[in-house]
Amino acid sequence: MSEPDIHLKKFQKELSAGTVSLALLAVLARAGEPLYGYLIAKQLERVGDGVLSGKQSALYPVLRNLEGGGLLDSFVEPSVAGPPRRYYRITEAGRQTLQSWAAAWRATRDSVDSVLEGIPA
């Protein structure tokens, strides 16, 4: 792997740390119903243009952290074909947090976009 590729991979890892939490809250807020991990991952792939795809295993620790922080609730239901599934839904605290995180994201994005203006893509 070349030096630029190593730096890009490190940057992408650092960048995704907070954005995955934001995206998970947004997916669950938009869903309007509880979803289990695989469905959440599929929604992320579908609405996120694949930017967050391929990180399904990384979603579960983030979901647990968000639940531990009171931003999500979960419950387990038996599955007809396979092991029981844990379903997640956003809490009221999660909705409020999503609003403040989304505002912070937009402000950061706009600021960075301003700085990057004129830099070739």
C-alpha atoms as a PDB file:
ATOM      1  CA  MET A   1       0.000   0.000   0.000  1.00  0.00           C
ATOM      2  CA  SER A   2       1.441   3.369  -0.991  1.00  0.00           C
ATOM      3  CA  GLU A   3       2.017   6.242   1.419  1.00  0.00           C
ATOM      4  CA  PRO A   4      -0.996   8.295   0.147  1.00  0.00           C
ATOM      5  CA  ASP A   5      -3.235   5.217   0.492  1.00  0.00           C
ATOM      6  CA  ILE A   6      -2.116   4.715   4.097  1.00  0.00           C
ATOM      7  CA  HIS A   7      -2.864   8.349   4.924  1.00  0.00           C
ATOM      8  CA  LEU A   8      -6.255   8.151   3.193  1.00  0.00           C
ATOM      9  CA  LYS A   9      -7.207   4.990   5.104  1.00  0.00           C
ATOM     10  CA  LYS A  10      -6.238   6.603   8.433  1.00  0.00           C
ATOM     11  CA  PHE A  11      -8.175   9.784   7.561  1.00  0.00           C
ATOM     12  CA  GLN A  12     -11.266   7.789   6.562  1.00  0.00           C
ATOM     13  CA  LYS A  13     -11.135   5.836   9.828  1.00  0.00           C
ATOM     14  CA  GLU A  14     -10.892   9.014  11.901  1.00  0.00           C
ATOM     15  CA  LEU A  15     -13.627  10.699   9.889  1.00  0.00           C
ATOM     16  CA  SER A  16     -16.039   7.789  10.208  1.00  0.00           C
ATOM     17  CA  ALA A  17     -15.796   7.628  14.015  1.00  0.00           C
ATOM     18  CA  GLY A  18     -18.425  10.312  14.645  1.00  0.00           C
ATOM     19  CA  THR A  19     -20.271  10.170  11.368  1.00  0.00           C
ATOM     20  CA  VAL A  20     -21.388   6.566  11.880  1.00  0.00           C
ATOM     21  CA  SER A  21     -23.162   7.539  15.128  1.00  0.00           C
ATOM     22  CA  LEU A  22     -24.829  10.477  13.404  1.00  0.00           C
ATOM     23  CA  ALA A  23     -25.884   8.302  10.454  1.00  0.00           C
ATOM     24  CA  LEU A  24     -27.273   5.566  12.721  1.00  0.00           C
ATOM     25  CA  LEU A  25     -29.419   8.027  14.637  1.00  0.00           C
ATOM     26  CA  ALA A  26     -30.656   9.533  11.365  1.00  0.00           C
ATOM     27  CA  VAL A  27     -31.556   6.130   9.883  1.00  0.00           C
ATOM     28  CA  LEU A  28     -33.493   5.144  12.990  1.00  0.00           C
ATOM     29  CA  ALA A  29     -35.251   8.520  13.157  1.00  0.00           C
ATOM     30  CA  ARG A  30     -36.312   8.239   9.517  1.00  0.00           C
ATOM     31  CA  ALA A  31     -37.408   4.604   9.827  1.00  0.00           C
ATOM     32  CA  GLY A  32     -40.340   5.313  12.117  1.00  0.00           C
ATOM     33  CA  GLU A  33     -40.132   1.730  13.390  1.00  0.00           C
ATOM     34  CA  PRO A  34     -37.567  -0.416  15.197  1.00  0.00           C
ATOM     35  CA  LEU A  35     -34.911  -1.994  12.973  1.00  0.00           C
ATOM     36  CA  TYR A  36     -32.372  -4.751  13.566  1.00  0.00           C
ATOM     37  CA  GLY A  37     -28.699  -4.454  12.618  1.00  0.00           C
ATOM     38  CA  TYR A  38     -28.833  -5.920   9.126  1.00  0.00           C
ATOM     39  CA  LEU A  39     -31.749  -3.666   8.122  1.00  0.00           C
ATOM     40  CA  ILE A  40     -29.932  -0.635   9.544  1.00  0.00           C
ATOM     41  CA  ALA A  41     -26.828  -1.532   7.515  1.00  0.00           C
ATOM     42  CA  LYS A  42     -28.949  -1.914   4.352  1.00  0.00           C
ATOM     43  CA  GLN A  43     -30.566   1.486   4.945  1.00  0.00           C
ATOM     44  CA  LEU A  44     -27.128   3.057   5.380  1.00  0.00           C
ATOM     45  CA  GLU A  45     -26.017   1.536   2.091  1.00  0.00           C
ATOM     46  CA  ARG A  46     -29.166   2.639   0.283  1.00  0.00           C
ATOM     47  CA  VAL A  47     -29.451   6.233   1.481  1.00  0.00           C
ATOM     48  CA  GLY A  48     -25.739   6.827   1.998  1.00  0.00           C
ATOM     49  CA  ASP A  49     -24.720   6.027  -1.577  1.00  0.00           C
ATOM     50  CA  GLY A  50     -22.488   3.274  -0.220  1.00  0.00           C
ATOM     51  CA  VAL A  51     -20.226   5.728   1.612  1.00  0.00           C
ATOM     52  CA  LEU A  52     -20.805   3.907   4.892  1.00  0.00           C
ATOM     53  CA  SER A  53     -21.162   0.420   3.405  1.00  0.00           C
ATOM     54  CA  GLY A  54     -18.929  -2.469   4.331  1.00  0.00           C
ATOM     55  CA  LYS A  55     -18.880  -1.507   7.988  1.00  0.00           C
ATOM     56  CA  GLN A  56     -21.721  -3.714   9.224  1.00  0.00           C
ATOM     57  CA  SER A  57     -19.660  -5.363  11.975  1.00  0.00           C
ATOM     58  CA  ALA A  58     -18.593  -1.921  13.194  1.00  0.00           C
ATOM     59  CA  LEU A  59     -22.234  -0.879  13.621  1.00  0.00           C
ATOM     60  CA  TYR A  60     -22.962  -3.121  16.599  1.00  0.00           C
ATOM     61  CA  PRO A  61     -20.505  -1.538  19.065  1.00  0.00           C
ATOM     62  CA  VAL A  62     -21.764   1.912  18.014  1.00  0.00           C
ATOM     63  CA  LEU A  63     -25.392   0.824  18.468  1.00  0.00           C
ATOM     64  CA  ARG A  64     -24.534  -0.485  21.958  1.00  0.00           C
ATOM     65  CA  ASN A  65     -22.758   2.777  22.837  1.00  0.00           C
ATOM     66  CA  LEU A  66     -25.719   4.846  21.648  1.00  0.00           C
ATOM     67  CA  GLU A  67     -28.039   2.643  23.688  1.00  0.00           C
ATOM     68  CA  GLY A  68     -25.767   2.959  26.725  1.00  0.00           C
ATOM     69  CA  GLY A  69     -25.999   6.732  26.364  1.00  0.00           C
ATOM     70  CA  GLY A  70     -29.796   6.604  26.376  1.00  0.00           C
ATOM     71  CA  LEU A  71     -30.079   7.623  22.714  1.00  0.00           C
ATOM     72  CA  LEU A  72     -31.497   4.267  21.606  1.00  0.00           C
ATOM     73  CA  ASP A  73     -33.665   1.551  23.148  1.00  0.00           C
ATOM     74  CA  SER A  74     -33.511  -2.084  22.101  1.00  0.00           C
ATOM     75  CA  PHE A  75     -35.465  -5.263  22.524  1.00  0.00           C
ATOM     76  CA  VAL A  76     -34.975  -8.842  21.386  1.00  0.00           C
ATOM     77  CA  GLU A  77     -37.533 -10.787  19.370  1.00  0.00           C
ATOM     78  CA  PRO A  78     -37.366 -14.400  18.250  1.00  0.00           C
ATOM     79  CA  SER A  79     -36.721 -14.940  14.565  1.00  0.00           C
ATOM     80  CA  VAL A  80     -38.540 -17.514  12.455  1.00  0.00           C
ATOM     81  CA  ALA A  81     -35.365 -18.389  10.544  1.00  0.00           C
ATOM     82  CA  GLY A  82     -32.356 -18.137  12.817  1.00  0.00           C
ATOM     83  CA  PRO A  83     -31.271 -16.612  16.101  1.00  0.00           C
ATOM     84  CA  PRO A  84     -33.285 -13.914  17.902  1.00  0.00           C
ATOM     85  CA  ARG A  85     -32.861 -10.380  16.568  1.00  0.00           C
ATOM     86  CA  ARG A  86     -32.160  -7.243  18.560  1.00  0.00           C
ATOM     87  CA  TYR A  87     -34.254  -4.334  17.343  1.00  0.00           C
ATOM     88  CA  TYR A  88     -33.246  -0.716  17.955  1.00  0.00           C
ATOM     89  CA  ARG A  89     -35.363   2.430  18.093  1.00  0.00           C
ATOM     90  CA  ILE A  90     -34.406   6.039  18.736  1.00  0.00           C
ATOM     91  CA  THR A  91     -35.435   7.609  22.048  1.00  0.00           C
ATOM     92  CA  GLU A  92     -36.613  11.181  22.596  1.00  0.00           C
ATOM     93  CA  ALA A  93     -33.141  12.006  23.928  1.00  0.00           C
ATOM     94  CA  GLY A  94     -31.763  10.459  20.733  1.00  0.00           C
ATOM     95  CA  ARG A  95     -33.977  12.705  18.599  1.00  0.00           C
ATOM     96  CA  GLN A  96     -32.806  15.806  20.458  1.00  0.00           C
ATOM     97  CA  THR A  97     -29.183  14.694  20.166  1.00  0.00           C
ATOM     98  CA  LEU A  98     -29.663  14.019  16.454  1.00  0.00           C
ATOM     99  CA  GLN A  99     -30.851  17.606  15.951  1.00  0.00           C
ATOM    100  CA  SER A 100     -27.820  19.090  17.705  1.00  0.00           C
ATOM    101  CA  TRP A 101     -25.366  16.691  16.006  1.00  0.00           C
ATOM    102  CA  ALA A 102     -26.916  17.419  12.590  1.00  0.00           C
ATOM    103  CA  ALA A 103     -26.518  21.163  13.185  1.00  0.00           C
ATOM    104  CA  ALA A 104     -22.893  20.646  14.256  1.00  0.00           C
ATOM    105  CA  TRP A 105     -22.283  18.443  11.200  1.00  0.00           C
ATOM    106  CA  ARG A 106     -23.725  21.023   8.808  1.00  0.00           C
ATOM    107  CA  ALA A 107     -21.716  23.843  10.368  1.00  0.00           C
ATOM    108  CA  THR A 108     -18.522  21.763  10.170  1.00  0.00           C
ATOM    109  CA  ARG A 109     -19.257  20.663   6.598  1.00  0.00           C
ATOM    110  CA  ASP A 110     -19.932  24.238   5.483  1.00  0.00           C
ATOM    111  CA  SER A 111     -16.782  25.494   7.182  1.00  0.00           C
ATOM    112  CA  VAL A 112     -14.586  22.779   5.673  1.00  0.00           C
ATOM    113  CA  ASP A 113     -16.199  23.278   2.253  1.00  0.00           C
ATOM    114  CA  SER A 114     -15.315  26.983   2.462  1.00  0.00           C
ATOM    115  CA  VAL A 115     -11.703  26.159   3.267  1.00  0.00           C
ATOM    116  CA  LEU A 116     -11.527  23.601   0.439  1.00  0.00           C
ATOM    117  CA  GLU A 117     -13.045  25.915  -2.157  1.00  0.00           C
ATOM    118  CA  GLY A 118     -10.756  26.162  -5.142  1.00  0.00           C
ATOM    119  CA  ILE A 119      -8.880  22.938  -4.350  1.00  0.00           C
ATOM    120  CA  PRO A 120      -9.135  20.543  -7.324  1.00  0.00           C
ATOM    121  CA  ALA A 121     -11.203  17.452  -6.580  1.00  0.00           C
END
